[in-house]
Amino acid sequence: MRLAALPLLLFAPLIAQAAALSICTEASPEGFDVVQYNSLTTTNASADVLMNRLVEFDAASGQLVPSLAESWEVSADGRSYLFRLRPGVRFQRTAWFTPSRELNAEDVLFSFQRMIDPSHPWHASAPNGYPHAQSMQLPALIEAIEAPDPLSVRFTLAHPDATFLATLSMGFASIYSAEYAAQLLAAGTPEKLNSQPVGTGPFILKRYQKDALVRYVANPEHFAGKPAADALIFAITPDANVRLQKLRRGECHIALSPKPLDVQAAAKDPSLQVLETPAFMTAFVALNSQHPPLDDPKVRQAINLAFDKASYLKAVFEEGATPADGPFPPNTWSYADEPLGYPHDPERARALLAEAGLAQGFSTTIWTRPSSSLLNPNPSLGAQLLQADLADVGIRAEIRVVEWGELIRRAKAGEHDLLFMGWAGDNGDPDNFLTPQFSCAAVQSGTNFARYCDPALDRLIAAGKRSTDREERSRLYKEAQAIIRAQALWLPLAHPQASVLARKEVSGYQVSPFGRQDFAKVAVKR
């Protein structure tokens, strides 16, 4: 597949271009067919700007709110969800598609049946599969999807699931045009859905040049009203220092994923503003439990004990994060009552390695990305610190720096040993961390980077989803955290502060604790 090219337009400050909002981002999206991917970078560039879902999660209120569905009803047994669709919603008009009708139930059926039904004509069109749908076990959960009328959709579940409604606010649950899909299938070009997307969202994709720019224009027919900006530009800028420089020069209005030191510098710059909120995210190193000797929990525990997390946090996050003890951020309901982390104890780490028959240590690899991000502000330094601490207990680790898109692809295939990674929950529910990262289904879909499948842990996660009682779910999730801790599946690193830098003339932008992006109401004073 070849994506359309766009000439570089960075010779003059983008502020000079009328009514355009420019965002300095840290990496290229993997594509625009969001259901095929699980990275936040791709969700930001596709689902967040091009598409809408049946419901959205409002971080400010902590509630699910209507979107393409204006209302919904849940049956008493918790197995049936009836959604009433918003009338008058139109899909985007692009150079490659002109819709002949408004959104209806057929589009919702297509969007979900494509992911969950192996016999669907579109199911095999995604070479990467459907990682979120598979890890969230939607094929087994959704028993049927029906359209009682053109503006109603009913989901029937195999069993109650307390997370189902919140799951529908995730990026992969975006609604696609069945009419456009039929057009592509008839032409024998289904792959174009990934390079020439069509949604109902506030912005329309115009052109994309990998590692350079993504250009969007405002959707004048968006059901919530035309965005404040006439155009949106993602200036892909892997280096955080360069992002800050572009922001100061007026080449960007907003810079994402700044380094902690850049946040401190921006706070002193009268032309800039710092926007922050506690992030519902966890940075971690995944330990591939399928690769010997990492398949031995004693070895994984030794790695946790060998690492000096306090020094890492000070050097890499520069006081811009709190230490992580487990998968959940501290503000998660069901967060473990007792600390789950391992103390820095190299002597005990050496003893465990000896017990595992590895008194002379072993060789392994550390995988990381080249560019900084909110969950990994300084990939090179972090990897070097881990490498040094492991060497201190006899573990010889080679650092491998892999481009972001390639890193995600190969990590999902389980090629890594130790992997610097991060995870952002989408809606505040603890299951957003457990099912995608620790369930057996997520090993198959690739999002379980620890590659760990345990029937006891799987049962706890499944039971927590089926229960509607929060106290019961909390108890189950605390048991799950205890297993994750005992097995040392992660080396938990940090819960960062979500920070975004913007020019003073920017208004209307709100930082999401989940890393999602909403630019529809963002304006720039002229």
Protein backbone atom coordinates (compact mmCIF):
# COMPACT_ATOMS: atom_id res chain seq x y z
CA MET A 1 0.00 0.00 0.00
CA ARG A 2 1.30 3.44 -0.88
CA LEU A 3 0.05 6.52 0.91
CA ALA A 4 -0.42 9.78 -0.95
CA ALA A 5 2.52 12.15 -0.80
CA LEU A 6 2.37 15.74 0.38
CA PRO A 7 5.01 18.38 -0.41
CA LEU A 8 6.82 19.73 2.62
CA LEU A 9 5.33 23.05 3.71
CA LEU A 10 7.54 23.96 6.64
CA PHE A 11 9.60 26.68 4.98
CA ALA A 12 7.47 29.39 6.58
CA PRO A 13 5.79 29.47 10.00
CA LEU A 14 2.42 27.77 9.80
CA ILE A 15 0.92 30.51 11.94
CA ALA A 16 0.98 32.67 8.83
CA GLN A 17 -1.46 30.34 7.12
CA ALA A 18 -5.00 31.52 7.75
CA ALA A 19 -7.15 29.54 10.15
CA ALA A 20 -4.86 26.49 10.27
CA LEU A 21 -4.10 24.71 13.53
CA SER A 22 -0.67 23.05 13.59
CA ILE A 23 0.25 20.24 15.99
CA CYS A 24 3.80 18.96 16.52
CA THR A 25 3.44 15.20 17.07
CA GLU A 26 6.12 12.66 17.89
CA ALA A 27 5.53 9.85 15.36
CA SER A 28 3.75 8.81 12.18
CA PRO A 29 0.49 6.87 12.44
CA GLU A 30 0.71 3.26 11.32
CA GLY A 31 -2.29 3.89 9.08
CA PHE A 32 -5.82 5.29 9.27
CA ASP A 33 -7.91 2.12 9.55
CA VAL A 34 -7.79 2.33 13.32
CA VAL A 35 -9.26 -1.13 13.98
CA GLN A 36 -6.02 -2.71 12.74
CA TYR A 37 -3.80 -1.00 15.30
CA ASN A 38 -3.43 -0.45 19.02
CA SER A 39 -1.02 2.51 19.35
CA LEU A 40 -2.19 5.83 20.74
CA THR A 41 -0.33 7.68 17.96
CA THR A 42 -2.52 6.00 15.36
CA THR A 43 -5.70 6.55 17.38
CA ASN A 44 -4.87 10.27 17.66
CA ALA A 45 -4.39 10.63 13.90
CA SER A 46 -7.42 8.58 12.88
CA ALA A 47 -10.18 7.90 15.39
CA ASP A 48 -9.77 11.17 17.29
CA VAL A 49 -10.03 13.51 14.30
CA LEU A 50 -11.67 11.56 11.46
CA MET A 51 -14.29 9.46 13.23
CA ASN A 52 -16.92 9.16 15.90
CA ARG A 53 -18.26 6.34 18.03
CA LEU A 54 -21.70 5.45 19.35
CA VAL A 55 -20.73 6.92 22.71
CA GLU A 56 -17.82 8.97 24.01
CA PHE A 57 -16.20 9.16 27.44
CA ASP A 58 -16.20 12.64 28.93
CA ALA A 59 -13.07 12.81 31.08
CA ALA A 60 -14.23 15.96 32.89
CA SER A 61 -17.42 14.35 34.22
CA GLY A 62 -16.19 10.76 34.21
CA GLN A 63 -19.34 9.76 32.34
CA LEU A 64 -20.23 8.21 29.01
CA VAL A 65 -22.05 10.70 26.80
CA PRO A 66 -24.04 10.42 23.56
CA SER A 67 -22.29 10.71 20.22
CA LEU A 68 -23.56 8.91 17.10
CA ALA A 69 -26.07 7.26 19.42
CA GLU A 70 -28.25 9.92 21.04
CA SER A 71 -29.62 7.46 23.62
CA TRP A 72 -29.44 3.82 24.69
CA GLU A 73 -31.26 1.27 26.81
CA VAL A 74 -29.84 -1.72 28.69
CA SER A 75 -31.99 -4.75 29.47
CA ALA A 76 -32.54 -5.86 33.06
CA ASP A 77 -30.35 -8.95 32.55
CA GLY A 78 -27.49 -6.81 31.19
CA ARG A 79 -27.29 -8.72 27.90
CA SER A 80 -29.14 -6.43 25.50
CA TYR A 81 -28.10 -2.89 24.48
CA LEU A 82 -30.43 -0.91 22.22
CA PHE A 83 -28.93 2.25 20.67
CA ARG A 84 -30.98 4.99 19.01
CA LEU A 85 -28.86 6.64 16.32
CA ARG A 86 -28.66 10.37 15.85
CA PRO A 87 -30.57 11.35 12.69
CA GLY A 88 -29.06 13.57 10.02
CA VAL A 89 -25.40 12.51 10.45
CA ARG A 90 -23.46 12.54 7.19
CA PHE A 91 -20.22 10.83 6.26
CA GLN A 92 -17.46 13.04 4.90
CA ARG A 93 -17.23 14.09 1.27
CA THR A 94 -13.74 13.48 -0.05
CA ALA A 95 -11.93 13.30 -3.38
CA TRP A 96 -12.45 9.52 -3.24
CA PHE A 97 -16.01 9.25 -1.91
CA THR A 98 -19.33 11.10 -2.06
CA PRO A 99 -21.98 9.63 0.27
CA SER A 100 -25.47 9.15 -1.15
CA ARG A 101 -27.20 8.77 2.23
CA GLU A 102 -26.96 9.63 5.90
CA LEU A 103 -25.53 7.36 8.56
CA ASN A 104 -27.82 4.49 9.53
CA ALA A 105 -27.79 1.13 11.29
CA GLU A 106 -26.16 -0.57 8.30
CA ASP A 107 -22.94 1.36 9.03
CA VAL A 108 -22.87 0.22 12.67
CA LEU A 109 -23.49 -3.39 11.68
CA PHE A 110 -20.67 -3.26 9.12
CA SER A 111 -18.22 -1.66 11.57
CA PHE A 112 -18.61 -4.42 14.16
CA GLN A 113 -19.43 -7.47 12.04
CA ARG A 114 -16.29 -6.85 10.02
CA MET A 115 -14.22 -7.30 13.21
CA ILE A 116 -16.02 -10.19 14.86
CA ASP A 117 -17.37 -12.37 12.02
CA PRO A 118 -14.72 -14.47 10.20
CA SER A 119 -17.17 -15.06 7.33
CA HIS A 120 -17.72 -11.35 6.73
CA PRO A 121 -16.39 -10.24 3.30
CA TRP A 122 -14.20 -7.61 4.98
CA HIS A 123 -12.85 -9.70 7.84
CA ALA A 124 -9.75 -10.95 6.00
CA SER A 125 -8.94 -7.51 4.58
CA ALA A 126 -6.98 -6.43 7.67
CA PRO A 127 -3.48 -7.92 7.42
CA ASN A 128 -2.83 -6.93 11.03
CA GLY A 129 -6.05 -8.45 12.31
CA TYR A 130 -8.18 -6.65 14.89
CA PRO A 131 -6.02 -6.45 18.04
CA HIS A 132 -8.41 -4.54 20.29
CA ALA A 133 -11.52 -6.48 19.27
CA GLN A 134 -9.64 -9.73 19.74
CA SER A 135 -8.04 -8.83 23.06
CA MET A 136 -11.38 -7.50 24.37
CA GLN A 137 -12.87 -10.85 23.22
CA LEU A 138 -15.70 -9.21 21.29
CA PRO A 139 -16.19 -12.16 18.90
CA ALA A 140 -17.17 -14.37 21.83
CA LEU A 141 -18.99 -11.63 23.75
CA ILE A 142 -21.27 -10.27 21.01
CA GLU A 143 -23.84 -12.94 20.25
CA ALA A 144 -25.79 -10.89 17.71
CA ILE A 145 -26.09 -7.41 16.20
CA GLU A 146 -29.43 -6.44 14.70
CA ALA A 147 -31.10 -3.39 13.19
CA PRO A 148 -34.75 -3.17 14.34
CA ASP A 149 -35.08 -0.10 12.10
CA PRO A 150 -32.72 2.17 10.12
CA LEU A 151 -31.91 4.30 13.19
CA SER A 152 -31.72 1.56 15.84
CA VAL A 153 -29.09 -1.07 16.63
CA ARG A 154 -29.35 -3.85 19.19
CA PHE A 155 -26.32 -5.72 20.55
CA THR A 156 -27.07 -9.02 22.29
CA LEU A 157 -24.26 -10.28 24.51
CA ALA A 158 -23.51 -13.88 25.39
CA HIS A 159 -23.33 -12.81 29.02
CA PRO A 160 -23.41 -9.54 31.00
CA ASP A 161 -20.27 -7.44 30.71
CA ALA A 162 -19.80 -4.41 32.94
CA THR A 163 -17.20 -2.95 30.56
CA PHE A 164 -19.13 -3.24 27.27
CA LEU A 165 -20.59 0.26 27.10
CA ALA A 166 -17.29 1.88 28.04
CA THR A 167 -15.51 -0.27 25.45
CA LEU A 168 -17.66 1.34 22.76
CA SER A 169 -15.98 4.69 23.46
CA MET A 170 -12.56 3.34 22.49
CA GLY A 171 -11.01 4.39 19.18
CA PHE A 172 -11.29 0.97 17.56
CA ALA A 173 -15.10 1.14 17.99
CA SER A 174 -15.33 3.99 15.47
CA ILE A 175 -18.16 3.77 12.95
CA TYR A 176 -17.30 3.33 9.27
CA SER A 177 -19.36 3.90 6.13
CA ALA A 178 -20.79 0.63 4.82
CA GLU A 179 -21.49 2.38 1.52
CA TYR A 180 -17.84 3.40 1.09
CA ALA A 181 -16.70 -0.09 2.11
CA ALA A 182 -18.95 -1.62 -0.55
CA GLN A 183 -17.49 0.77 -3.14
CA LEU A 184 -13.93 -0.27 -2.25
CA LEU A 185 -14.76 -3.97 -2.21
CA ALA A 186 -16.44 -3.74 -5.62
CA ALA A 187 -13.34 -2.02 -7.00
CA GLY A 188 -11.07 -4.67 -5.49
CA THR A 189 -9.24 -2.04 -3.38
CA PRO A 190 -10.20 -2.66 0.27
CA GLU A 191 -6.68 -1.64 1.34
CA LYS A 192 -7.55 1.98 0.50
CA LEU A 193 -9.60 2.17 3.70
CA ASN A 194 -6.22 2.43 5.43
CA SER A 195 -4.89 5.27 3.24
CA GLN A 196 -8.07 7.02 2.12
CA PRO A 197 -10.36 6.88 5.17
CA VAL A 198 -13.86 8.28 5.48
CA GLY A 199 -15.55 9.03 8.78
CA THR A 200 -18.14 11.30 10.37
CA GLY A 201 -15.59 13.21 12.47
CA PRO A 202 -14.74 16.91 12.72
CA PHE A 203 -11.85 16.77 10.24
CA ILE A 204 -11.33 15.23 6.79
CA LEU A 205 -8.01 13.73 5.68
CA LYS A 206 -6.49 15.51 2.70
CA ARG A 207 -2.95 14.14 2.36
CA TYR A 208 -0.31 12.28 4.28
CA GLN A 209 3.47 12.02 3.94
CA LYS A 210 5.02 9.47 6.28
CA ASP A 211 7.43 10.96 8.82
CA ALA A 212 6.57 14.48 7.63
CA LEU A 213 2.99 15.74 7.64
CA VAL A 214 -0.67 14.84 7.90
CA ARG A 215 -3.04 17.49 6.54
CA TYR A 216 -6.74 17.67 7.36
CA VAL A 217 -9.50 20.17 6.56
CA ALA A 218 -12.54 20.99 8.67
CA ASN A 219 -15.68 18.96 8.06
CA PRO A 220 -18.38 21.59 7.42
CA GLU A 221 -21.13 18.95 7.85
CA HIS A 222 -20.03 17.60 11.21
CA PHE A 223 -23.10 16.92 13.34
CA ALA A 224 -21.62 18.82 16.31
CA GLY A 225 -20.81 21.83 14.14
CA LYS A 226 -17.84 22.90 12.05
CA PRO A 227 -14.52 22.91 13.96
CA ALA A 228 -13.06 26.23 15.07
CA ALA A 229 -10.04 25.77 12.75
CA ASP A 230 -10.40 25.57 8.98
CA ALA A 231 -7.49 23.16 8.70
CA LEU A 232 -5.48 20.85 10.96
CA ILE A 233 -1.84 19.91 10.38
CA PHE A 234 0.14 17.23 12.18
CA ALA A 235 3.82 18.13 11.80
CA ILE A 236 5.56 14.84 12.62
CA THR A 237 8.60 15.77 14.71
CA PRO A 238 10.23 12.85 16.58
CA ASP A 239 12.70 15.00 18.55
CA ALA A 240 11.08 16.68 21.58
CA ASN A 241 13.66 19.48 21.53
CA VAL A 242 12.78 20.27 17.92
CA ARG A 243 9.07 20.25 18.81
CA LEU A 244 9.75 22.93 21.43
CA GLN A 245 11.82 24.98 18.98
CA LYS A 246 9.07 24.84 16.37
CA LEU A 247 6.55 25.91 18.98
CA ARG A 248 8.65 28.91 19.96
CA ARG A 249 9.15 29.90 16.31
CA GLY A 250 5.43 29.68 15.62
CA GLU A 251 5.70 26.69 13.30
CA CYS A 252 3.38 24.78 15.62
CA HIS A 253 0.57 25.95 17.87
CA ILE A 254 0.60 22.85 20.11
CA ALA A 255 3.45 20.44 20.92
CA LEU A 256 2.58 16.98 22.25
CA SER A 257 4.69 14.72 24.49
CA PRO A 258 7.20 17.29 25.79
CA LYS A 259 10.16 16.28 27.92
CA PRO A 260 9.89 17.25 31.60
CA LEU A 261 12.68 19.82 31.23
CA ASP A 262 10.86 21.33 28.24
CA VAL A 263 7.74 21.69 30.40
CA GLN A 264 9.79 23.62 32.97
CA ALA A 265 11.29 25.82 30.25
CA ALA A 266 7.92 26.51 28.63
CA ALA A 267 6.45 27.55 31.99
CA LYS A 268 8.97 30.44 32.03
CA ASP A 269 8.30 31.51 28.42
CA PRO A 270 5.69 34.32 28.21
CA SER A 271 4.71 33.25 24.70
CA LEU A 272 3.80 29.71 25.78
CA GLN A 273 1.42 27.95 28.14
CA VAL A 274 1.66 24.56 29.86
CA LEU A 275 -1.51 22.45 30.03
CA GLU A 276 -1.46 19.45 32.38
CA THR A 277 -3.54 16.76 34.04
CA PRO A 278 -2.68 13.49 35.83
CA ALA A 279 -2.45 10.80 33.15
CA PHE A 280 -4.38 7.54 33.32
CA MET A 281 -1.30 5.76 31.98
CA THR A 282 1.52 3.47 33.01
CA ALA A 283 5.03 3.29 31.58
CA PHE A 284 6.62 -0.14 31.94
CA VAL A 285 9.12 -2.64 30.62
CA ALA A 286 7.37 -5.81 29.45
CA LEU A 287 9.24 -9.05 30.17
CA ASN A 288 8.52 -11.64 27.47
CA SER A 289 7.58 -14.70 29.50
CA GLN A 290 7.78 -16.94 26.41
CA HIS A 291 11.53 -16.33 25.93
CA PRO A 292 13.87 -18.39 28.15
CA PRO A 293 15.16 -17.64 30.72
CA LEU A 294 12.47 -14.95 31.10
CA ASP A 295 9.94 -17.78 31.34
CA ASP A 296 11.17 -18.32 34.91
CA PRO A 297 9.41 -15.99 37.39
CA LYS A 298 12.57 -15.90 39.54
CA VAL A 299 14.45 -14.34 36.63
CA ARG A 300 11.70 -11.77 36.07
CA GLN A 301 11.69 -10.97 39.78
CA ALA A 302 15.48 -10.56 39.71
CA ILE A 303 15.17 -8.01 36.89
CA ASN A 304 12.68 -6.02 38.97
CA LEU A 305 14.96 -6.14 42.01
CA ALA A 306 18.03 -5.13 39.99
CA PHE A 307 16.51 -1.92 38.67
CA ASP A 308 17.07 1.37 40.50
CA LYS A 309 13.71 2.95 39.75
CA ALA A 310 14.29 6.06 41.84
CA SER A 311 17.37 6.98 39.81
CA TYR A 312 15.53 6.20 36.58
CA LEU A 313 12.59 8.46 37.47
CA LYS A 314 14.88 11.32 38.45
CA ALA A 315 17.00 11.06 35.30
CA VAL A 316 14.31 10.31 32.71
CA PHE A 317 11.10 11.92 34.00
CA GLU A 318 12.80 14.70 35.99
CA GLU A 319 10.05 14.82 38.64
CA GLY A 320 7.35 14.74 35.96
CA ALA A 321 5.94 11.38 37.08
CA THR A 322 5.18 9.23 40.10
CA PRO A 323 6.70 5.75 40.51
CA ALA A 324 4.60 2.81 39.31
CA ASP A 325 4.26 -0.31 41.46
CA GLY A 326 1.89 -2.22 39.19
CA PRO A 327 -0.28 -1.86 36.10
CA PHE A 328 -2.87 0.58 37.50
CA PRO A 329 -2.42 4.32 38.06
CA PRO A 330 -2.97 5.17 41.76
CA ASN A 331 -6.29 6.95 41.05
CA THR A 332 -7.83 3.75 39.66
CA TRP A 333 -10.62 2.26 41.71
CA SER A 334 -9.51 -1.27 42.74
CA TYR A 335 -5.89 -0.09 43.01
CA ALA A 336 -4.10 -2.55 45.32
CA ASP A 337 -4.11 -1.60 49.01
CA GLU A 338 -0.56 -2.82 49.52
CA PRO A 339 2.42 -1.68 47.42
CA LEU A 340 3.08 -4.08 44.56
CA GLY A 341 6.54 -2.97 43.54
CA TYR A 342 9.91 -4.55 44.15
CA PRO A 343 12.59 -2.69 46.14
CA HIS A 344 15.98 -2.01 44.61
CA ASP A 345 17.93 -4.99 45.94
CA PRO A 346 20.78 -6.16 43.65
CA GLU A 347 21.98 -8.69 46.23
CA ARG A 348 18.60 -10.42 46.31
CA ALA A 349 18.48 -10.25 42.49
CA ARG A 350 21.79 -12.14 42.28
CA ALA A 351 20.50 -14.73 44.75
CA LEU A 352 17.37 -15.34 42.68
CA LEU A 353 19.42 -15.72 39.52
CA ALA A 354 21.55 -18.29 41.31
CA GLU A 355 18.43 -20.17 42.43
CA ALA A 356 17.33 -20.19 38.79
CA GLY A 357 20.65 -21.77 37.80
CA LEU A 358 21.98 -18.54 36.32
CA ALA A 359 24.68 -17.54 38.80
CA GLN A 360 26.83 -16.43 35.86
CA GLY A 361 23.98 -14.38 34.42
CA PHE A 362 22.70 -14.56 30.86
CA SER A 363 22.39 -12.48 27.69
CA THR A 364 19.23 -10.73 26.57
CA THR A 365 18.02 -7.67 24.63
CA ILE A 366 16.33 -4.39 25.55
CA TRP A 367 14.00 -3.00 22.86
CA THR A 368 13.11 0.69 22.78
CA ARG A 369 11.98 3.42 20.39
CA PRO A 370 14.21 6.15 18.93
CA SER A 371 11.86 9.08 19.60
CA SER A 372 10.60 10.43 22.91
CA SER A 373 6.98 10.22 24.04
CA LEU A 374 4.91 11.04 27.11
CA LEU A 375 5.50 7.53 28.46
CA ASN A 376 9.17 7.41 27.45
CA PRO A 377 10.67 10.92 27.53
CA ASN A 378 14.26 9.77 26.98
CA PRO A 379 14.36 6.29 25.40
CA SER A 380 18.13 6.14 25.01
CA LEU A 381 18.92 7.15 28.58
CA GLY A 382 16.27 4.86 30.04
CA ALA A 383 17.57 1.85 28.14
CA GLN A 384 21.14 2.62 29.19
CA LEU A 385 20.17 2.88 32.86
CA LEU A 386 18.39 -0.47 32.72
CA GLN A 387 21.33 -2.00 30.86
CA ALA A 388 23.75 -0.80 33.56
CA ASP A 389 21.62 -2.06 36.44
CA LEU A 390 21.22 -5.47 34.81
CA ALA A 391 24.98 -5.68 34.19
CA ASP A 392 25.49 -5.10 37.90
CA VAL A 393 23.77 -8.44 38.63
CA GLY A 394 25.38 -10.30 35.71
CA ILE A 395 22.72 -9.87 33.02
CA ARG A 396 24.27 -8.79 29.70
CA ALA A 397 21.66 -6.79 27.76
CA GLU A 398 22.06 -5.47 24.23
CA ILE A 399 20.02 -2.35 23.42
CA ARG A 400 18.05 -2.45 20.19
CA VAL A 401 16.51 0.80 18.94
CA VAL A 402 13.61 0.12 16.58
CA GLU A 403 11.46 2.66 14.70
CA TRP A 404 8.06 3.07 16.37
CA GLY A 405 5.84 1.42 13.76
CA GLU A 406 8.25 -1.48 13.35
CA LEU A 407 8.62 -1.77 17.12
CA ILE A 408 4.87 -2.14 17.60
CA ARG A 409 4.57 -4.69 14.78
CA ARG A 410 7.43 -6.86 16.00
CA ALA A 411 6.45 -6.58 19.67
CA LYS A 412 2.93 -7.76 18.86
CA ALA A 413 4.57 -10.76 17.19
CA GLY A 414 6.49 -11.45 20.42
CA GLU A 415 10.00 -10.93 19.02
CA HIS A 416 11.24 -8.83 21.94
CA ASP A 417 12.85 -9.83 25.23
CA LEU A 418 12.62 -6.69 27.40
CA LEU A 419 10.44 -3.99 25.86
CA PHE A 420 10.04 -0.36 26.94
CA MET A 421 6.33 0.31 26.44
CA GLY A 422 3.42 2.25 27.88
CA TRP A 423 -0.33 1.81 28.14
CA ALA A 424 -3.11 4.36 28.39
CA GLY A 425 -6.57 3.45 29.63
CA ASP A 426 -9.42 4.80 27.53
CA ASN A 427 -12.19 5.39 30.04
CA GLY A 428 -11.05 5.00 33.64
CA ASP A 429 -12.10 1.35 33.96
CA PRO A 430 -9.41 -0.95 35.43
CA ASP A 431 -10.19 -3.59 32.82
CA ASN A 432 -8.69 -1.27 30.21
CA PHE A 433 -5.34 -2.42 31.59
CA LEU A 434 -6.12 -6.02 32.49
CA THR A 435 -7.85 -7.49 29.45
CA PRO A 436 -5.61 -5.91 26.76
CA GLN A 437 -2.36 -6.54 28.68
CA PHE A 438 -2.80 -9.74 30.68
CA SER A 439 -5.57 -11.90 29.19
CA CYS A 440 -4.90 -15.03 27.15
CA ALA A 441 -6.86 -13.57 24.22
CA ALA A 442 -4.49 -10.59 24.23
CA VAL A 443 -1.51 -12.91 23.71
CA GLN A 444 -3.11 -14.00 20.45
CA SER A 445 -3.99 -10.44 19.41
CA GLY A 446 -0.50 -9.19 20.32
CA THR A 447 -1.34 -6.51 22.88
CA ASN A 448 -0.23 -8.70 25.81
CA PHE A 449 3.45 -7.73 25.63
CA ALA A 450 4.38 -9.99 28.55
CA ARG A 451 3.08 -12.89 26.42
CA TYR A 452 1.67 -14.45 29.60
CA CYS A 453 -1.42 -16.69 29.58
CA ASP A 454 -2.51 -18.09 32.94
CA PRO A 455 -5.96 -19.72 33.44
CA ALA A 456 -6.28 -18.44 37.03
CA LEU A 457 -5.50 -14.84 36.03
CA ASP A 458 -7.76 -15.13 32.99
CA ARG A 459 -10.67 -16.29 35.17
CA LEU A 460 -10.24 -13.33 37.53
CA ILE A 461 -10.23 -10.85 34.65
CA ALA A 462 -13.29 -12.47 33.05
CA ALA A 463 -15.18 -12.60 36.34
CA GLY A 464 -14.45 -8.93 36.96
CA LYS A 465 -15.98 -7.99 33.61
CA ARG A 466 -19.12 -10.04 34.21
CA SER A 467 -19.88 -8.58 37.63
CA THR A 468 -21.84 -5.34 37.92
CA ASP A 469 -20.94 -4.94 41.60
CA ARG A 470 -17.98 -2.57 41.95
CA GLU A 471 -16.88 -3.99 45.31
CA GLU A 472 -16.82 -7.50 43.86
CA ARG A 473 -14.96 -6.30 40.75
CA SER A 474 -12.47 -4.48 42.96
CA ARG A 475 -11.81 -7.62 45.00
CA LEU A 476 -11.23 -9.67 41.85
CA TYR A 477 -8.95 -7.07 40.34
CA LYS A 478 -6.85 -6.88 43.50
CA GLU A 479 -6.37 -10.64 43.30
CA ALA A 480 -5.33 -10.22 39.67
CA GLN A 481 -2.80 -7.55 40.62
CA ALA A 482 -1.31 -9.91 43.21
CA ILE A 483 -0.73 -12.55 40.51
CA ILE A 484 0.80 -9.99 38.15
CA ARG A 485 3.13 -8.85 40.93
CA ALA A 486 4.14 -12.37 41.97
CA GLN A 487 4.86 -13.31 38.37
CA ALA A 488 6.76 -10.03 37.75
CA LEU A 489 5.30 -9.75 34.25
CA TRP A 490 6.20 -6.08 34.04
CA LEU A 491 8.93 -3.87 35.36
CA PRO A 492 6.55 -0.99 36.22
CA LEU A 493 8.17 2.40 35.69
CA ALA A 494 6.02 5.50 36.05
CA HIS A 495 2.67 7.23 35.93
CA PRO A 496 3.41 10.49 34.10
CA GLN A 497 1.79 13.86 34.26
CA ALA A 498 0.07 14.41 30.91
CA SER A 499 1.55 17.69 29.69
CA VAL A 500 0.99 19.60 26.47
CA LEU A 501 2.69 22.81 25.42
CA ALA A 502 0.80 25.48 23.50
CA ARG A 503 1.24 29.02 22.34
CA LYS A 504 -0.53 31.70 24.36
CA GLU A 505 -2.92 32.46 21.51
CA VAL A 506 -4.38 28.94 21.61
CA SER A 507 -7.71 28.45 23.38
CA GLY A 508 -10.18 25.61 23.81
CA TYR A 509 -7.68 22.76 24.17
CA GLN A 510 -8.07 20.33 27.07
CA VAL A 511 -5.51 17.70 28.01
CA SER A 512 -6.99 14.21 28.19
CA PRO A 513 -5.76 11.89 30.97
CA PHE A 514 -6.11 9.08 28.42
CA GLY A 515 -3.93 10.67 25.75
CA ARG A 516 -6.86 11.18 23.36
CA GLN A 517 -6.98 14.35 21.27
CA ASP A 518 -9.93 16.66 20.59
CA PHE A 519 -9.07 19.60 18.35
CA ALA A 520 -12.62 20.42 17.23
CA LYS A 521 -13.02 23.38 19.62
CA VAL A 522 -9.43 24.61 19.56
CA ALA A 523 -9.02 28.14 18.22
CA VAL A 524 -6.05 30.41 17.55
CA LYS A 525 -6.34 34.14 18.14
CA ARG A 526 -5.14 36.15 15.18
